[in-house]
Amino acid sequence: MSANNPNKAKQVSWFNGCGGRIGVVVGQEGEHAYIGSALRHSEEEDVAHILAYGARFPLEAALLLPVSRYFIEAEVQ
């Protein structure tokens, strides 16, 4: 599995899926959003993991999804 370019989260949309939550994360920069499963017990760790290893998701589509949480720059390590 290859890593995506380092990025910080701007917003995340969570959905219930088979076997757990699915997150669509929009980064502060870049042409894509990223989608992945919530595998950890911390929302911040899940978001960081999805940004690093999630599958690319069309940015235009991600921006149309209901936002579960917005991140401010100081919030994200």
PDB file of N, CA and C in Angstrom:
ATOM      1  N   MET A   1       0.852  -1.170   0.000  1.00  0.00           N
ATOM      2  CA  MET A   1       0.000   0.000   0.000  1.00  0.00           C
ATOM      3  C   MET A   1       0.901   1.237   0.000  1.00  0.00           C
ATOM      4  N   SER A   2       0.703   2.145  -0.903  1.00  0.00           N
ATOM      5  CA  SER A   2       1.519   3.352  -0.951  1.00  0.00           C
ATOM      6  C   SER A   2       0.850   4.476  -0.166  1.00  0.00           C
ATOM      7  N   ALA A   3       1.668   5.327   0.400  1.00  0.00           N
ATOM      8  CA  ALA A   3       1.158   6.449   1.188  1.00  0.00           C
ATOM      9  C   ALA A   3       0.834   7.628   0.274  1.00  0.00           C
ATOM     10  N   ASN A   4      -0.165   8.391   0.651  1.00  0.00           N
ATOM     11  CA  ASN A   4      -0.502   9.619  -0.056  1.00  0.00           C
ATOM     12  C   ASN A   4       0.420  10.732   0.440  1.00  0.00           C
ATOM     13  N   ASN A   5       0.449  11.861  -0.244  1.00  0.00           N
ATOM     14  CA  ASN A   5       1.260  12.978   0.201  1.00  0.00           C
ATOM     15  C   ASN A   5       0.774  13.445   1.571  1.00  0.00           C
ATOM     16  N   PRO A   6       1.699  13.873   2.455  1.00  0.00           N
ATOM     17  CA  PRO A   6       1.280  14.371   3.771  1.00  0.00           C
ATOM     18  C   PRO A   6       0.279  15.511   3.615  1.00  0.00           C
ATOM     19  N   ASN A   7      -0.753  15.473   4.429  1.00  0.00           N
ATOM     20  CA  ASN A   7      -1.833  16.454   4.331  1.00  0.00           C
ATOM     21  C   ASN A   7      -2.473  16.567   5.699  1.00  0.00           C
ATOM     22  N   LYS A   8      -3.202  17.627   5.932  1.00  0.00           N
ATOM     23  CA  LYS A   8      -3.957  17.807   7.170  1.00  0.00           C
ATOM     24  C   LYS A   8      -5.433  17.829   6.820  1.00  0.00           C
ATOM     25  N   ALA A   9      -6.244  17.319   7.726  1.00  0.00           N
ATOM     26  CA  ALA A   9      -7.679  17.217   7.473  1.00  0.00           C
ATOM     27  C   ALA A   9      -8.368  18.572   7.536  1.00  0.00           C
ATOM     28  N   LYS A  10      -9.302  18.769   6.636  1.00  0.00           N
ATOM     29  CA  LYS A  10     -10.145  19.958   6.611  1.00  0.00           C
ATOM     30  C   LYS A  10     -11.533  19.595   7.122  1.00  0.00           C
ATOM     31  N   GLN A  11     -12.038  18.442   6.662  1.00  0.00           N
ATOM     32  CA  GLN A  11     -13.360  17.973   7.093  1.00  0.00           C
ATOM     33  C   GLN A  11     -13.456  16.478   6.883  1.00  0.00           C
ATOM     34  N   VAL A  12     -14.379  15.858   7.626  1.00  0.00           N
ATOM     35  CA  VAL A  12     -14.625  14.425   7.485  1.00  0.00           C
ATOM     36  C   VAL A  12     -16.126  14.181   7.477  1.00  0.00           C
ATOM     37  N   SER A  13     -16.544  13.230   6.682  1.00  0.00           N
ATOM     38  CA  SER A  13     -17.929  12.773   6.637  1.00  0.00           C
ATOM     39  C   SER A  13     -17.924  11.301   7.024  1.00  0.00           C
ATOM     40  N   TRP A  14     -18.670  10.936   8.068  1.00  0.00           N
ATOM     41  CA  TRP A  14     -18.730   9.546   8.529  1.00  0.00           C
ATOM     42  C   TRP A  14     -20.033   8.908   8.104  1.00  0.00           C
ATOM     43  N   PHE A  15     -19.953   7.632   7.714  1.00  0.00           N
ATOM     44  CA  PHE A  15     -21.125   6.852   7.321  1.00  0.00           C
ATOM     45  C   PHE A  15     -21.023   5.473   7.952  1.00  0.00           C
ATOM     46  N   ASN A  16     -22.154   4.891   8.307  1.00  0.00           N
ATOM     47  CA  ASN A  16     -22.163   3.526   8.805  1.00  0.00           C
ATOM     48  C   ASN A  16     -22.127   2.573   7.626  1.00  0.00           C
ATOM     49  N   GLY A  17     -21.216   1.623   7.676  1.00  0.00           N
ATOM     50  CA  GLY A  17     -21.080   0.631   6.619  1.00  0.00           C
ATOM     51  C   GLY A  17     -21.097  -0.753   7.218  1.00  0.00           C
ATOM     52  N   CYS A  18     -21.018  -1.739   6.408  1.00  0.00           N
ATOM     53  CA  CYS A  18     -20.967  -3.122   6.882  1.00  0.00           C
ATOM     54  C   CYS A  18     -19.684  -3.319   7.669  1.00  0.00           C
ATOM     55  N   GLY A  19     -19.799  -3.626   8.922  1.00  0.00           N
ATOM     56  CA  GLY A  19     -18.625  -3.893   9.740  1.00  0.00           C
ATOM     57  C   GLY A  19     -17.995  -2.676  10.382  1.00  0.00           C
ATOM     58  N   GLY A  20     -18.566  -1.497  10.248  1.00  0.00           N
ATOM     59  CA  GLY A  20     -17.996  -0.328  10.907  1.00  0.00           C
ATOM     60  C   GLY A  20     -18.256   0.964  10.165  1.00  0.00           C
ATOM     61  N   ARG A  21     -17.597   2.009  10.617  1.00  0.00           N
ATOM     62  CA  ARG A  21     -17.769   3.327  10.014  1.00  0.00           C
ATOM     63  C   ARG A  21     -16.824   3.515   8.843  1.00  0.00           C
ATOM     64  N   ILE A  22     -17.313   4.252   7.850  1.00  0.00           N
ATOM     65  CA  ILE A  22     -16.543   4.627   6.666  1.00  0.00           C
ATOM     66  C   ILE A  22     -16.377   6.147   6.709  1.00  0.00           C
ATOM     67  N   GLY A  23     -15.165   6.620   6.490  1.00  0.00           N
ATOM     68  CA  GLY A  23     -14.899   8.049   6.503  1.00  0.00           C
ATOM     69  C   GLY A  23     -14.445   8.550   5.156  1.00  0.00           C
ATOM     70  N   VAL A  24     -14.937   9.727   4.784  1.00  0.00           N
ATOM     71  CA  VAL A  24     -14.463  10.430   3.593  1.00  0.00           C
ATOM     72  C   VAL A  24     -13.813  11.709   4.112  1.00  0.00           C
ATOM     73  N   VAL A  25     -12.496  11.823   3.930  1.00  0.00           N
ATOM     74  CA  VAL A  25     -11.726  12.928   4.490  1.00  0.00           C
ATOM     75  C   VAL A  25     -11.280  13.860   3.374  1.00  0.00           C
ATOM     76  N   VAL A  26     -11.555  15.147   3.549  1.00  0.00           N
ATOM     77  CA  VAL A  26     -11.088  16.188   2.634  1.00  0.00           C
ATOM     78  C   VAL A  26      -9.893  16.845   3.312  1.00  0.00           C
ATOM     79  N   GLY A  27      -8.769  16.912   2.605  1.00  0.00           N
ATOM     80  CA  GLY A  27      -7.566  17.524   3.147  1.00  0.00           C
ATOM     81  C   GLY A  27      -7.536  19.025   2.924  1.00  0.00           C
ATOM     82  N   GLN A  28      -6.593  19.680   3.590  1.00  0.00           N
ATOM     83  CA  GLN A  28      -6.416  21.129   3.443  1.00  0.00           C
ATOM     84  C   GLN A  28      -5.978  21.492   2.024  1.00  0.00           C
ATOM     85  N   GLU A  29      -5.280  20.571   1.358  1.00  0.00           N
ATOM     86  CA  GLU A  29      -4.832  20.824  -0.015  1.00  0.00           C
ATOM     87  C   GLU A  29      -4.907  19.536  -0.805  1.00  0.00           C
ATOM     88  N   GLY A  30      -4.832  19.655  -2.091  1.00  0.00           N
ATOM     89  CA  GLY A  30      -4.851  18.481  -2.949  1.00  0.00           C
ATOM     90  C   GLY A  30      -6.073  18.436  -3.852  1.00  0.00           C
ATOM     91  N   GLU A  31      -6.017  17.509  -4.827  1.00  0.00           N
ATOM     92  CA  GLU A  31      -7.070  17.381  -5.832  1.00  0.00           C
ATOM     93  C   GLU A  31      -8.082  16.306  -5.499  1.00  0.00           C
ATOM     94  N   HIS A  32      -7.822  15.511  -4.461  1.00  0.00           N
ATOM     95  CA  HIS A  32      -8.689  14.397  -4.118  1.00  0.00           C
ATOM     96  C   HIS A  32      -9.052  14.430  -2.642  1.00  0.00           C
ATOM     97  N   ALA A  33     -10.135  13.766  -2.300  1.00  0.00           N
ATOM     98  CA  ALA A  33     -10.454  13.420  -0.924  1.00  0.00           C
ATOM     99  C   ALA A  33     -10.053  11.950  -0.779  1.00  0.00           C
ATOM    100  N   TYR A  34     -10.164  11.402   0.409  1.00  0.00           N
ATOM    101  CA  TYR A  34      -9.765  10.022   0.648  1.00  0.00           C
ATOM    102  C   TYR A  34     -10.848   9.302   1.438  1.00  0.00           C
ATOM    103  N   ILE A  35     -11.055   8.030   1.125  1.00  0.00           N
ATOM    104  CA  ILE A  35     -12.078   7.230   1.774  1.00  0.00           C
ATOM    105  C   ILE A  35     -11.423   6.001   2.400  1.00  0.00           C
ATOM    106  N   GLY A  36     -11.921   5.633   3.581  1.00  0.00           N
ATOM    107  CA  GLY A  36     -11.380   4.463   4.258  1.00  0.00           C
ATOM    108  C   GLY A  36     -12.219   4.088   5.456  1.00  0.00           C
ATOM    109  N   SER A  37     -11.864   2.979   6.088  1.00  0.00           N
ATOM    110  CA  SER A  37     -12.588   2.473   7.254  1.00  0.00           C
ATOM    111  C   SER A  37     -11.996   3.029   8.538  1.00  0.00           C
ATOM    112  N   ALA A  38     -12.853   3.179   9.541  1.00  0.00           N
ATOM    113  CA  ALA A  38     -12.414   3.574  10.877  1.00  0.00           C
ATOM    114  C   ALA A  38     -11.959   2.313  11.592  1.00  0.00           C
ATOM    115  N   LEU A  39     -10.654   2.123  11.728  1.00  0.00           N
ATOM    116  CA  LEU A  39     -10.093   0.905  12.303  1.00  0.00           C
ATOM    117  C   LEU A  39      -9.547   1.118  13.706  1.00  0.00           C
ATOM    118  N   ARG A  40      -9.437   2.350  14.132  1.00  0.00           N
ATOM    119  CA  ARG A  40      -8.851   2.656  15.433  1.00  0.00           C
ATOM    120  C   ARG A  40      -9.931   3.107  16.402  1.00  0.00           C
ATOM    121  N   HIS A  41      -9.534   3.407  17.618  1.00  0.00           N
ATOM    122  CA  HIS A  41     -10.502   3.820  18.639  1.00  0.00           C
ATOM    123  C   HIS A  41     -10.502   5.331  18.872  1.00  0.00           C
ATOM    124  N   SER A  42      -9.894   6.058  17.982  1.00  0.00           N
ATOM    125  CA  SER A  42      -9.806   7.509  18.108  1.00  0.00           C
ATOM    126  C   SER A  42     -10.148   8.137  16.758  1.00  0.00           C
ATOM    127  N   GLU A  43     -11.040   9.118  16.773  1.00  0.00           N
ATOM    128  CA  GLU A  43     -11.420   9.763  15.522  1.00  0.00           C
ATOM    129  C   GLU A  43     -10.220  10.435  14.857  1.00  0.00           C
ATOM    130  N   GLU A  44      -9.358  11.082  15.651  1.00  0.00           N
ATOM    131  CA  GLU A  44      -8.191  11.754  15.086  1.00  0.00           C
ATOM    132  C   GLU A  44      -7.251  10.749  14.422  1.00  0.00           C
ATOM    133  N   GLU A  45      -7.041   9.595  15.053  1.00  0.00           N
ATOM    134  CA  GLU A  45      -6.177   8.569  14.468  1.00  0.00           C
ATOM    135  C   GLU A  45      -6.801   7.976  13.207  1.00  0.00           C
ATOM    136  N   ASP A  46      -8.128   7.789  13.228  1.00  0.00           N
ATOM    137  CA  ASP A  46      -8.816   7.282  12.036  1.00  0.00           C
ATOM    138  C   ASP A  46      -8.662   8.251  10.867  1.00  0.00           C
ATOM    139  N   VAL A  47      -8.865   9.530  11.127  1.00  0.00           N
ATOM    140  CA  VAL A  47      -8.765  10.548  10.080  1.00  0.00           C
ATOM    141  C   VAL A  47      -7.339  10.593   9.526  1.00  0.00           C
ATOM    142  N   ALA A  48      -6.345  10.571  10.410  1.00  0.00           N
ATOM    143  CA  ALA A  48      -4.951  10.598   9.963  1.00  0.00           C
ATOM    144  C   ALA A  48      -4.619   9.355   9.125  1.00  0.00           C
ATOM    145  N   HIS A  49      -5.134   8.205   9.541  1.00  0.00           N
ATOM    146  CA  HIS A  49      -4.882   6.967   8.812  1.00  0.00           C
ATOM    147  C   HIS A  49      -5.542   7.005   7.422  1.00  0.00           C
ATOM    148  N   ILE A  50      -6.767   7.504   7.348  1.00  0.00           N
ATOM    149  CA  ILE A  50      -7.466   7.601   6.056  1.00  0.00           C
ATOM    150  C   ILE A  50      -6.721   8.563   5.130  1.00  0.00           C
ATOM    151  N   LEU A  51      -6.256   9.699   5.664  1.00  0.00           N
ATOM    152  CA  LEU A  51      -5.494  10.637   4.836  1.00  0.00           C
ATOM    153  C   LEU A  51      -4.200  10.004   4.326  1.00  0.00           C
ATOM    154  N   ALA A  52      -3.568   9.192   5.151  1.00  0.00           N
ATOM    155  CA  ALA A  52      -2.287   8.598   4.765  1.00  0.00           C
ATOM    156  C   ALA A  52      -2.444   7.405   3.829  1.00  0.00           C
ATOM    157  N   TYR A  53      -3.480   6.568   4.059  1.00  0.00           N
ATOM    158  CA  TYR A  53      -3.568   5.299   3.333  1.00  0.00           C
ATOM    159  C   TYR A  53      -4.900   5.044   2.644  1.00  0.00           C
ATOM    160  N   GLY A  54      -5.829   5.971   2.736  1.00  0.00           N
ATOM    161  CA  GLY A  54      -7.139   5.752   2.127  1.00  0.00           C
ATOM    162  C   GLY A  54      -7.099   5.794   0.606  1.00  0.00           C
ATOM    163  N   ALA A  55      -8.151   5.267   0.015  1.00  0.00           N
ATOM    164  CA  ALA A  55      -8.286   5.296  -1.443  1.00  0.00           C
ATOM    165  C   ALA A  55      -8.718   6.691  -1.883  1.00  0.00           C
ATOM    166  N   ARG A  56      -8.252   7.112  -3.026  1.00  0.00           N
ATOM    167  CA  ARG A  56      -8.645   8.432  -3.549  1.00  0.00           C
ATOM    168  C   ARG A  56     -10.136   8.446  -3.845  1.00  0.00           C
ATOM    169  N   PHE A  57     -10.745   9.580  -3.550  1.00  0.00           N
ATOM    170  CA  PHE A  57     -12.172   9.790  -3.726  1.00  0.00           C
ATOM    171  C   PHE A  57     -12.314  11.136  -4.438  1.00  0.00           C
ATOM    172  N   PRO A  58     -13.236  11.269  -5.387  1.00  0.00           N
ATOM    173  CA  PRO A  58     -13.363  12.544  -6.111  1.00  0.00           C
ATOM    174  C   PRO A  58     -13.674  13.709  -5.163  1.00  0.00           C
ATOM    175  N   LEU A  59     -12.854  14.738  -5.221  1.00  0.00           N
ATOM    176  CA  LEU A  59     -13.020  15.896  -4.338  1.00  0.00           C
ATOM    177  C   LEU A  59     -14.378  16.556  -4.522  1.00  0.00           C
ATOM    178  N   GLU A  60     -14.811  16.696  -5.760  1.00  0.00           N
ATOM    179  CA  GLU A  60     -16.092  17.352  -6.031  1.00  0.00           C
ATOM    180  C   GLU A  60     -17.251  16.610  -5.350  1.00  0.00           C
ATOM    181  N   ALA A  61     -17.203  15.294  -5.367  1.00  0.00           N
ATOM    182  CA  ALA A  61     -18.244  14.487  -4.721  1.00  0.00           C
ATOM    183  C   ALA A  61     -18.147  14.605  -3.204  1.00  0.00           C
ATOM    184  N   ALA A  62     -16.931  14.601  -2.669  1.00  0.00           N
ATOM    185  CA  ALA A  62     -16.746  14.693  -1.217  1.00  0.00           C
ATOM    186  C   ALA A  62     -17.292  16.008  -0.676  1.00  0.00           C
ATOM    187  N   LEU A  63     -17.148  17.076  -1.448  1.00  0.00           N
ATOM    188  CA  LEU A  63     -17.634  18.385  -0.987  1.00  0.00           C
ATOM    189  C   LEU A  63     -19.161  18.465  -0.970  1.00  0.00           C
ATOM    190  N   LEU A  64     -19.844  17.550  -1.629  1.00  0.00           N
ATOM    191  CA  LEU A  64     -21.308  17.517  -1.622  1.00  0.00           C
ATOM    192  C   LEU A  64     -21.880  16.705  -0.460  1.00  0.00           C
ATOM    193  N   LEU A  65     -21.034  15.933   0.222  1.00  0.00           N
ATOM    194  CA  LEU A  65     -21.493  15.079   1.321  1.00  0.00           C
ATOM    195  C   LEU A  65     -21.766  15.902   2.574  1.00  0.00           C
ATOM    196  N   PRO A  66     -22.681  15.431   3.427  1.00  0.00           N
ATOM    197  CA  PRO A  66     -22.897  16.130   4.708  1.00  0.00           C
ATOM    198  C   PRO A  66     -21.643  15.998   5.575  1.00  0.00           C
ATOM    199  N   VAL A  67     -21.194  17.095   6.162  1.00  0.00           N
ATOM    200  CA  VAL A  67     -19.964  17.111   6.945  1.00  0.00           C
ATOM    201  C   VAL A  67     -20.267  16.702   8.385  1.00  0.00           C
ATOM    202  N   SER A  68     -19.530  15.716   8.876  1.00  0.00           N
ATOM    203  CA  SER A  68     -19.675  15.282  10.259  1.00  0.00           C
ATOM    204  C   SER A  68     -18.842  16.152  11.196  1.00  0.00           C
ATOM    205  N   ARG A  69     -17.684  16.600  10.703  1.00  0.00           N
ATOM    206  CA  ARG A  69     -16.813  17.423  11.542  1.00  0.00           C
ATOM    207  C   ARG A  69     -15.875  18.242  10.667  1.00  0.00           C
ATOM    208  N   TYR A  70     -15.727  19.524  11.054  1.00  0.00           N
ATOM    209  CA  TYR A  70     -14.725  20.390  10.427  1.00  0.00           C
ATOM    210  C   TYR A  70     -13.506  20.427  11.343  1.00  0.00           C
ATOM    211  N   PHE A  71     -12.318  20.514  10.762  1.00  0.00           N
ATOM    212  CA  PHE A  71     -11.084  20.605  11.530  1.00  0.00           C
ATOM    213  C   PHE A  71     -10.488  21.983  11.311  1.00  0.00           C
ATOM    214  N   ILE A  72     -10.027  22.591  12.401  1.00  0.00           N
ATOM    215  CA  ILE A  72      -9.258  23.829  12.259  1.00  0.00           C
ATOM    216  C   ILE A  72      -7.798  23.429  12.258  1.00  0.00           C
ATOM    217  N   GLU A  73      -6.951  24.226  11.668  1.00  0.00           N
ATOM    218  CA  GLU A  73      -5.553  23.840  11.450  1.00  0.00           C
ATOM    219  C   GLU A  73      -4.813  23.527  12.756  1.00  0.00           C
ATOM    220  N   ALA A  74      -5.095  24.248  13.833  1.00  0.00           N
ATOM    221  CA  ALA A  74      -4.399  24.009  15.097  1.00  0.00           C
ATOM    222  C   ALA A  74      -4.811  22.688  15.741  1.00  0.00           C
ATOM    223  N   GLU A  75      -5.977  22.158  15.372  1.00  0.00           N
ATOM    224  CA  GLU A  75      -6.518  20.930  15.950  1.00  0.00           C
ATOM    225  C   GLU A  75      -5.782  19.684  15.485  1.00  0.00           C
ATOM    226  N   VAL A  76      -5.290  19.694  14.267  1.00  0.00           N
ATOM    227  CA  VAL A  76      -4.724  18.510  13.638  1.00  0.00           C
ATOM    228  C   VAL A  76      -3.201  18.551  13.765  1.00  0.00           C
ATOM    229  N   GLN A  77      -2.614  17.448  14.233  1.00  0.00           N
ATOM    230  CA  GLN A  77      -1.157  17.397  14.391  1.00  0.00           C
ATOM    231  C   GLN A  77      -0.507  17.286  13.045  1.00  0.00           C
TER     232      GLN A  77
END
